């Protein structure tokens, strides 16, 4: 009982301190969201473009390795397939919120994952045909 009471007081203390800290951060909010380089773009779009670049091309190293080896060994097509399906959902979401970075990067990502899955099945079929002969 004593331990649970102590935990409850500690939890309340953390919540109060967190609220005080967040209240003091209101002046840190970005007021002018327009970009200095391209005034018609919002900073959030520029940040989205940079973040999208990284996540979109995350599957490229696996694709390059598979194409160099001409083998599907060590590649998981399920992951690429799932990523492709959810990137299609992200494209739809991007259309709903009218976000160019979300739309563009996820369309590129869908293409990359399609190529990964296609190459996987091509190399797997080739290997299966060679083992039959």
C-alpha atoms as a PDB file:
ATOM      1  CA  UNK A   1       0.000   0.000   0.000  1.00  0.00           C
ATOM      2  CA  UNK A   2       2.799   2.390   0.941  1.00  0.00           C
ATOM      3  CA  UNK A   3       4.671   1.671  -2.300  1.00  0.00           C
ATOM      4  CA  UNK A   4       1.624   2.303  -4.522  1.00  0.00           C
ATOM      5  CA  UNK A   5       0.952   5.576  -2.677  1.00  0.00           C
ATOM      6  CA  UNK A   6       4.537   6.693  -3.310  1.00  0.00           C
ATOM      7  CA  UNK A   7       4.253   5.806  -7.013  1.00  0.00           C
ATOM      8  CA  UNK A   8       0.989   7.758  -7.286  1.00  0.00           C
ATOM      9  CA  UNK A   9       2.617  10.868  -5.767  1.00  0.00           C
ATOM     10  CA  UNK A  10       5.647  10.536  -8.032  1.00  0.00           C
ATOM     11  CA  UNK A  11       3.364  10.227 -11.060  1.00  0.00           C
ATOM     12  CA  UNK A  12       1.448  13.362 -10.070  1.00  0.00           C
ATOM     13  CA  UNK A  13       4.725  15.214  -9.569  1.00  0.00           C
ATOM     14  CA  UNK A  14       6.008  14.216 -13.016  1.00  0.00           C
ATOM     15  CA  UNK A  15       2.733  15.318 -14.626  1.00  0.00           C
ATOM     16  CA  UNK A  16       2.811  18.713 -12.881  1.00  0.00           C
ATOM     17  CA  UNK A  17       6.471  19.306 -13.784  1.00  0.00           C
ATOM     18  CA  UNK A  18       5.825  18.273 -17.403  1.00  0.00           C
ATOM     19  CA  UNK A  19       2.875  20.660 -17.636  1.00  0.00           C
ATOM     20  CA  UNK A  20       5.005  23.499 -16.260  1.00  0.00           C
ATOM     21  CA  UNK A  21       7.775  22.792 -18.763  1.00  0.00           C
ATOM     22  CA  UNK A  22       5.358  22.624 -21.689  1.00  0.00           C
ATOM     23  CA  UNK A  23       3.723  25.890 -20.620  1.00  0.00           C
ATOM     24  CA  UNK A  24       7.112  27.576 -20.774  1.00  0.00           C
ATOM     25  CA  UNK A  25       7.697  26.324 -24.327  1.00  0.00           C
ATOM     26  CA  UNK A  26       4.860  28.265 -25.944  1.00  0.00           C
ATOM     27  CA  UNK A  27       7.293  30.935 -27.176  1.00  0.00           C
ATOM     28  CA  UNK A  28       9.310  28.280 -29.027  1.00  0.00           C
ATOM     29  CA  UNK A  29       6.516  27.668 -31.551  1.00  0.00           C
ATOM     30  CA  UNK A  30       7.335  28.502 -35.152  1.00  0.00           C
ATOM     31  CA  UNK A  31       5.169  31.418 -36.211  1.00  0.00           C
ATOM     32  CA  UNK A  32       6.405  32.003 -39.772  1.00  0.00           C
ATOM     33  CA  UNK A  33       6.289  28.696 -41.608  1.00  0.00           C
ATOM     34  CA  UNK A  34       7.237  29.972 -45.035  1.00  0.00           C
ATOM     35  CA  UNK A  35      10.588  28.908 -46.392  1.00  0.00           C
ATOM     36  CA  UNK A  36      13.358  31.436 -46.812  1.00  0.00           C
ATOM     37  CA  UNK A  37      14.580  29.782 -50.016  1.00  0.00           C
ATOM     38  CA  UNK A  38      11.246  29.077 -51.671  1.00  0.00           C
ATOM     39  CA  UNK A  39       8.545  31.348 -50.199  1.00  0.00           C
ATOM     40  CA  UNK A  40       5.681  29.429 -51.811  1.00  0.00           C
ATOM     41  CA  UNK A  41       6.716  26.266 -49.909  1.00  0.00           C
ATOM     42  CA  UNK A  42       6.143  25.676 -46.223  1.00  0.00           C
ATOM     43  CA  UNK A  43       9.037  24.547 -44.028  1.00  0.00           C
ATOM     44  CA  UNK A  44       7.010  21.450 -43.202  1.00  0.00           C
ATOM     45  CA  UNK A  45       7.013  20.519 -46.897  1.00  0.00           C
ATOM     46  CA  UNK A  46      10.785  20.913 -47.082  1.00  0.00           C
ATOM     47  CA  UNK A  47      11.239  18.787 -43.953  1.00  0.00           C
ATOM     48  CA  UNK A  48       8.798  16.241 -45.385  1.00  0.00           C
ATOM     49  CA  UNK A  49      10.814  16.133 -48.589  1.00  0.00           C
ATOM     50  CA  UNK A  50      14.055  15.429 -46.732  1.00  0.00           C
ATOM     51  CA  UNK A  51      12.453  12.798 -44.480  1.00  0.00           C
ATOM     52  CA  UNK A  52      10.687  11.189 -47.425  1.00  0.00           C
ATOM     53  CA  UNK A  53      13.953  10.840 -49.316  1.00  0.00           C
ATOM     54  CA  UNK A  54      15.443   8.740 -46.526  1.00  0.00           C
ATOM     55  CA  UNK A  55      12.473   6.464 -45.986  1.00  0.00           C
ATOM     56  CA  UNK A  56      11.731   6.044 -49.684  1.00  0.00           C
ATOM     57  CA  UNK A  57      15.171   4.786 -50.586  1.00  0.00           C
ATOM     58  CA  UNK A  58      15.545   2.480 -47.577  1.00  0.00           C
ATOM     59  CA  UNK A  59      14.832  -0.575 -49.764  1.00  0.00           C
ATOM     60  CA  UNK A  60      17.356   0.346 -52.456  1.00  0.00           C
ATOM     61  CA  UNK A  61      20.386  -1.379 -50.816  1.00  0.00           C
ATOM     62  CA  UNK A  62      18.515  -4.708 -50.808  1.00  0.00           C
ATOM     63  CA  UNK A  63      17.522  -4.199 -54.424  1.00  0.00           C
ATOM     64  CA  UNK A  64      21.089  -3.389 -55.491  1.00  0.00           C
ATOM     65  CA  UNK A  65      22.461  -6.401 -53.591  1.00  0.00           C
ATOM     66  CA  UNK A  66      19.873  -8.673 -55.192  1.00  0.00           C
ATOM     67  CA  UNK A  67      20.588  -7.354 -58.692  1.00  0.00           C
ATOM     68  CA  UNK A  68      24.373  -7.647 -58.277  1.00  0.00           C
ATOM     69  CA  UNK A  69      24.157 -11.233 -57.020  1.00  0.00           C
ATOM     70  CA  UNK A  70      21.359 -12.130 -59.403  1.00  0.00           C
ATOM     71  CA  UNK A  71      19.863 -14.045 -56.520  1.00  0.00           C
ATOM     72  CA  UNK A  72      16.904 -13.629 -54.197  1.00  0.00           C
ATOM     73  CA  UNK A  73      18.816 -15.166 -51.303  1.00  0.00           C
ATOM     74  CA  UNK A  74      18.437 -13.211 -48.072  1.00  0.00           C
ATOM     75  CA  UNK A  75      15.682 -10.935 -49.375  1.00  0.00           C
ATOM     76  CA  UNK A  76      12.228 -10.882 -47.796  1.00  0.00           C
ATOM     77  CA  UNK A  77       9.556 -10.061 -50.396  1.00  0.00           C
ATOM     78  CA  UNK A  78       6.851  -9.929 -47.730  1.00  0.00           C
ATOM     79  CA  UNK A  79       8.395  -6.843 -46.163  1.00  0.00           C
ATOM     80  CA  UNK A  80       8.631  -5.071 -49.516  1.00  0.00           C
ATOM     81  CA  UNK A  81       5.060  -6.076 -50.361  1.00  0.00           C
ATOM     82  CA  UNK A  82       3.697  -4.798 -47.067  1.00  0.00           C
ATOM     83  CA  UNK A  83       5.676  -1.576 -47.422  1.00  0.00           C
ATOM     84  CA  UNK A  84       4.304  -1.109 -50.939  1.00  0.00           C
ATOM     85  CA  UNK A  85       0.706  -1.610 -49.807  1.00  0.00           C
ATOM     86  CA  UNK A  86       1.046   0.902 -46.996  1.00  0.00           C
ATOM     87  CA  UNK A  87       2.819   3.363 -49.244  1.00  0.00           C
ATOM     88  CA  UNK A  88      -0.247   3.253 -51.490  1.00  0.00           C
ATOM     89  CA  UNK A  89      -2.282   4.169 -48.411  1.00  0.00           C
ATOM     90  CA  UNK A  90       0.196   7.006 -47.741  1.00  0.00           C
ATOM     91  CA  UNK A  91      -0.293   8.260 -51.315  1.00  0.00           C
ATOM     92  CA  UNK A  92      -4.043   8.355 -50.704  1.00  0.00           C
ATOM     93  CA  UNK A  93      -3.473  10.170 -47.406  1.00  0.00           C
ATOM     94  CA  UNK A  94      -1.208  12.645 -49.190  1.00  0.00           C
ATOM     95  CA  UNK A  95      -3.978  13.327 -51.678  1.00  0.00           C
ATOM     96  CA  UNK A  96      -6.443  13.897 -48.839  1.00  0.00           C
ATOM     97  CA  UNK A  97      -4.207  16.429 -47.097  1.00  0.00           C
ATOM     98  CA  UNK A  98      -2.764  17.818 -50.356  1.00  0.00           C
ATOM     99  CA  UNK A  99       0.850  17.201 -49.326  1.00  0.00           C
ATOM    100  CA  UNK A 100       3.233  17.032 -52.265  1.00  0.00           C
ATOM    101  CA  UNK A 101       6.111  15.386 -50.349  1.00  0.00           C
ATOM    102  CA  UNK A 102       3.876  12.606 -49.027  1.00  0.00           C
ATOM    103  CA  UNK A 103       2.450  11.917 -52.477  1.00  0.00           C
ATOM    104  CA  UNK A 104       5.693  12.063 -54.458  1.00  0.00           C
ATOM    105  CA  UNK A 105       7.965  10.102 -52.125  1.00  0.00           C
ATOM    106  CA  UNK A 106       5.439   7.360 -51.525  1.00  0.00           C
ATOM    107  CA  UNK A 107       4.733   6.976 -55.250  1.00  0.00           C
ATOM    108  CA  UNK A 108       8.475   6.528 -55.798  1.00  0.00           C
ATOM    109  CA  UNK A 109       8.550   4.092 -52.866  1.00  0.00           C
ATOM    110  CA  UNK A 110       5.712   2.045 -54.361  1.00  0.00           C
ATOM    111  CA  UNK A 111       7.719   1.771 -57.576  1.00  0.00           C
ATOM    112  CA  UNK A 112      10.897   0.720 -55.760  1.00  0.00           C
ATOM    113  CA  UNK A 113       9.068  -1.921 -53.719  1.00  0.00           C
ATOM    114  CA  UNK A 114       7.341  -3.199 -56.851  1.00  0.00           C
ATOM    115  CA  UNK A 115      10.745  -3.658 -58.487  1.00  0.00           C
ATOM    116  CA  UNK A 116      12.093  -5.422 -55.350  1.00  0.00           C
ATOM    117  CA  UNK A 117       9.179  -7.883 -55.257  1.00  0.00           C
ATOM    118  CA  UNK A 118       9.310  -8.449 -59.030  1.00  0.00           C
ATOM    119  CA  UNK A 119      13.071  -9.069 -58.992  1.00  0.00           C
ATOM    120  CA  UNK A 120      12.697 -11.413 -56.024  1.00  0.00           C
ATOM    121  CA  UNK A 121      10.128 -13.573 -57.797  1.00  0.00           C
ATOM    122  CA  UNK A 122      12.098 -13.482 -61.051  1.00  0.00           C
ATOM    123  CA  UNK A 123      15.313 -14.685 -59.384  1.00  0.00           C
ATOM    124  CA  UNK A 124      13.441 -17.210 -57.220  1.00  0.00           C
ATOM    125  CA  UNK A 125      11.723 -18.660 -60.315  1.00  0.00           C
ATOM    126  CA  UNK A 126      15.054 -18.799 -62.163  1.00  0.00           C
ATOM    127  CA  UNK A 127      16.643 -20.665 -59.244  1.00  0.00           C
ATOM    128  CA  UNK A 128      13.692 -23.061 -59.023  1.00  0.00           C
ATOM    129  CA  UNK A 129      13.931 -23.798 -62.772  1.00  0.00           C
ATOM    130  CA  UNK A 130      17.688 -24.430 -62.511  1.00  0.00           C
ATOM    131  CA  UNK A 131      17.247 -26.911 -59.662  1.00  0.00           C
ATOM    132  CA  UNK A 132      14.622 -28.831 -61.676  1.00  0.00           C
ATOM    133  CA  UNK A 133      16.965 -29.312 -64.619  1.00  0.00           C
END
